[in-house]
């Protein structure tokens, strides 16, 4: 099983548990998150790259996997993703390097 397959399996299982809780706060937040990444004044592909860079600085590998996959699905090139990840490295510094490695592994699975 690839890292991305493992992530998606865990994500789907966790999302089902969250959904089954039927908690208004959870549902509102997830709806807000979903809508934030839709096309608007900033196209969705750029929002996903922003999400990726932010996730790397925040050091969340699950978020990194999610946003790389969303970038891929939105037609972002491998080179564009790598450039976005470089911004994260510049902003976050050396603490981002382990997450940069993880992101590169996800990219290799997709491209």
C-alpha atoms as a PDB file:
ATOM      1  CA  UNK A   1       0.000   0.000   0.000  1.00  0.00           C
ATOM      2  CA  UNK A   2       1.339   3.446  -0.905  1.00  0.00           C
ATOM      3  CA  UNK A   3       1.530   6.350   1.530  1.00  0.00           C
ATOM      4  CA  UNK A   4      -1.294   8.045  -0.355  1.00  0.00           C
ATOM      5  CA  UNK A   5      -3.506   4.941  -0.279  1.00  0.00           C
ATOM      6  CA  UNK A   6      -2.900   4.586   3.463  1.00  0.00           C
ATOM      7  CA  UNK A   7      -3.727   8.250   4.013  1.00  0.00           C
ATOM      8  CA  UNK A   8      -6.930   8.064   1.962  1.00  0.00           C
ATOM      9  CA  UNK A   9      -8.085   4.905   3.771  1.00  0.00           C
ATOM     10  CA  UNK A  10      -7.521   6.542   7.178  1.00  0.00           C
ATOM     11  CA  UNK A  11      -9.112   9.794   5.977  1.00  0.00           C
ATOM     12  CA  UNK A  12     -12.237   8.078   4.651  1.00  0.00           C
ATOM     13  CA  UNK A  13     -12.673   6.028   7.839  1.00  0.00           C
ATOM     14  CA  UNK A  14     -12.136   9.092  10.042  1.00  0.00           C
ATOM     15  CA  UNK A  15     -14.483  11.239   7.954  1.00  0.00           C
ATOM     16  CA  UNK A  16     -17.211   8.613   8.293  1.00  0.00           C
ATOM     17  CA  UNK A  17     -16.803   8.679  12.077  1.00  0.00           C
ATOM     18  CA  UNK A  18     -16.967  12.471  12.105  1.00  0.00           C
ATOM     19  CA  UNK A  19     -20.037  12.486   9.866  1.00  0.00           C
ATOM     20  CA  UNK A  20     -21.800   9.882  11.993  1.00  0.00           C
ATOM     21  CA  UNK A  21     -21.331  12.106  15.053  1.00  0.00           C
ATOM     22  CA  UNK A  22     -23.794  14.546  13.441  1.00  0.00           C
ATOM     23  CA  UNK A  23     -22.226  17.416  15.388  1.00  0.00           C
ATOM     24  CA  UNK A  24     -23.191  20.850  14.098  1.00  0.00           C
ATOM     25  CA  UNK A  25     -19.774  22.359  14.824  1.00  0.00           C
ATOM     26  CA  UNK A  26     -17.955  19.579  12.943  1.00  0.00           C
ATOM     27  CA  UNK A  27     -20.287  19.900   9.972  1.00  0.00           C
ATOM     28  CA  UNK A  28     -19.978  23.672   9.819  1.00  0.00           C
ATOM     29  CA  UNK A  29     -16.201  23.569   9.933  1.00  0.00           C
ATOM     30  CA  UNK A  30     -15.935  20.878   7.243  1.00  0.00           C
ATOM     31  CA  UNK A  31     -18.336  22.831   5.023  1.00  0.00           C
ATOM     32  CA  UNK A  32     -16.268  25.992   5.530  1.00  0.00           C
ATOM     33  CA  UNK A  33     -13.075  24.088   4.668  1.00  0.00           C
ATOM     34  CA  UNK A  34     -14.599  22.558   1.516  1.00  0.00           C
ATOM     35  CA  UNK A  35     -15.924  25.874   0.255  1.00  0.00           C
ATOM     36  CA  UNK A  36     -12.696  27.765   0.974  1.00  0.00           C
ATOM     37  CA  UNK A  37     -10.852  25.781  -1.712  1.00  0.00           C
ATOM     38  CA  UNK A  38     -13.408  26.245  -4.508  1.00  0.00           C
ATOM     39  CA  UNK A  39     -12.755  28.542  -7.461  1.00  0.00           C
ATOM     40  CA  UNK A  40     -13.247  32.187  -6.578  1.00  0.00           C
ATOM     41  CA  UNK A  41     -11.212  35.295  -7.209  1.00  0.00           C
ATOM     42  CA  UNK A  42      -8.271  32.949  -6.706  1.00  0.00           C
ATOM     43  CA  UNK A  43      -8.553  29.779  -8.829  1.00  0.00           C
ATOM     44  CA  UNK A  44      -8.817  26.485  -6.904  1.00  0.00           C
ATOM     45  CA  UNK A  45      -5.418  25.223  -8.078  1.00  0.00           C
ATOM     46  CA  UNK A  46      -3.682  28.191  -6.459  1.00  0.00           C
ATOM     47  CA  UNK A  47      -5.695  27.788  -3.273  1.00  0.00           C
ATOM     48  CA  UNK A  48      -4.536  24.173  -3.088  1.00  0.00           C
ATOM     49  CA  UNK A  49      -0.909  25.282  -3.478  1.00  0.00           C
ATOM     50  CA  UNK A  50      -1.482  27.804  -0.661  1.00  0.00           C
ATOM     51  CA  UNK A  51      -2.968  25.012   1.442  1.00  0.00           C
ATOM     52  CA  UNK A  52       0.039  22.822   0.679  1.00  0.00           C
ATOM     53  CA  UNK A  53       2.576  25.485   1.653  1.00  0.00           C
ATOM     54  CA  UNK A  54       0.641  26.266   4.840  1.00  0.00           C
ATOM     55  CA  UNK A  55       0.393  22.573   5.727  1.00  0.00           C
ATOM     56  CA  UNK A  56       4.130  22.137   5.324  1.00  0.00           C
ATOM     57  CA  UNK A  57       4.885  25.077   7.599  1.00  0.00           C
ATOM     58  CA  UNK A  58       2.366  23.695  10.120  1.00  0.00           C
ATOM     59  CA  UNK A  59       4.061  20.273   9.742  1.00  0.00           C
ATOM     60  CA  UNK A  60       0.955  18.169   9.035  1.00  0.00           C
ATOM     61  CA  UNK A  61       1.809  15.199   6.810  1.00  0.00           C
ATOM     62  CA  UNK A  62      -1.854  14.214   6.384  1.00  0.00           C
ATOM     63  CA  UNK A  63      -2.601  17.733   5.147  1.00  0.00           C
ATOM     64  CA  UNK A  64       0.441  17.646   2.879  1.00  0.00           C
ATOM     65  CA  UNK A  65      -0.736  14.394   1.280  1.00  0.00           C
ATOM     66  CA  UNK A  66      -4.261  15.775   0.881  1.00  0.00           C
ATOM     67  CA  UNK A  67      -3.168  19.032  -0.740  1.00  0.00           C
ATOM     68  CA  UNK A  68      -0.650  17.385  -3.066  1.00  0.00           C
ATOM     69  CA  UNK A  69      -3.376  15.036  -4.278  1.00  0.00           C
ATOM     70  CA  UNK A  70      -5.784  17.964  -4.697  1.00  0.00           C
ATOM     71  CA  UNK A  71      -3.108  19.899  -6.597  1.00  0.00           C
ATOM     72  CA  UNK A  72      -2.592  16.887  -8.852  1.00  0.00           C
ATOM     73  CA  UNK A  73      -6.350  16.602  -9.459  1.00  0.00           C
ATOM     74  CA  UNK A  74      -6.533  20.343 -10.231  1.00  0.00           C
ATOM     75  CA  UNK A  75      -3.876  20.023 -12.934  1.00  0.00           C
ATOM     76  CA  UNK A  76      -0.973  21.532 -11.039  1.00  0.00           C
ATOM     77  CA  UNK A  77       2.307  20.344 -12.520  1.00  0.00           C
ATOM     78  CA  UNK A  78       4.939  18.525 -10.508  1.00  0.00           C
ATOM     79  CA  UNK A  79       7.234  21.519 -10.979  1.00  0.00           C
ATOM     80  CA  UNK A  80       4.593  23.950  -9.662  1.00  0.00           C
ATOM     81  CA  UNK A  81       4.068  21.791  -6.569  1.00  0.00           C
ATOM     82  CA  UNK A  82       7.805  21.677  -5.939  1.00  0.00           C
ATOM     83  CA  UNK A  83       7.978  25.469  -6.250  1.00  0.00           C
ATOM     84  CA  UNK A  84       5.134  25.850  -3.722  1.00  0.00           C
ATOM     85  CA  UNK A  85       6.983  23.485  -1.395  1.00  0.00           C
ATOM     86  CA  UNK A  86      10.101  25.645  -1.749  1.00  0.00           C
ATOM     87  CA  UNK A  87       8.094  28.639  -0.502  1.00  0.00           C
ATOM     88  CA  UNK A  88       7.118  26.561   2.540  1.00  0.00           C
ATOM     89  CA  UNK A  89      10.767  25.713   3.151  1.00  0.00           C
ATOM     90  CA  UNK A  90      11.806  29.365   2.941  1.00  0.00           C
ATOM     91  CA  UNK A  91       8.999  30.452   5.280  1.00  0.00           C
ATOM     92  CA  UNK A  92       9.286  27.568   7.736  1.00  0.00           C
ATOM     93  CA  UNK A  93      13.010  26.901   7.679  1.00  0.00           C
ATOM     94  CA  UNK A  94      14.825  23.647   8.324  1.00  0.00           C
ATOM     95  CA  UNK A  95      12.022  22.199  10.496  1.00  0.00           C
ATOM     96  CA  UNK A  96      10.091  21.772   7.218  1.00  0.00           C
ATOM     97  CA  UNK A  97      12.724  19.447   5.698  1.00  0.00           C
ATOM     98  CA  UNK A  98      11.241  16.167   7.043  1.00  0.00           C
ATOM     99  CA  UNK A  99       7.869  17.221   5.628  1.00  0.00           C
ATOM    100  CA  UNK A 100       9.517  18.203   2.363  1.00  0.00           C
ATOM    101  CA  UNK A 101      10.851  14.642   2.155  1.00  0.00           C
ATOM    102  CA  UNK A 102       7.371  13.270   2.831  1.00  0.00           C
ATOM    103  CA  UNK A 103       5.847  15.541   0.196  1.00  0.00           C
ATOM    104  CA  UNK A 104       8.412  14.421  -2.374  1.00  0.00           C
ATOM    105  CA  UNK A 105       7.457  10.788  -1.687  1.00  0.00           C
ATOM    106  CA  UNK A 106       3.782  11.612  -2.308  1.00  0.00           C
ATOM    107  CA  UNK A 107       4.703  13.439  -5.519  1.00  0.00           C
ATOM    108  CA  UNK A 108       6.647  10.394  -6.712  1.00  0.00           C
ATOM    109  CA  UNK A 109       3.564   8.229  -6.123  1.00  0.00           C
ATOM    110  CA  UNK A 110       1.372  10.527  -8.222  1.00  0.00           C
ATOM    111  CA  UNK A 111       3.592  11.710 -11.065  1.00  0.00           C
END
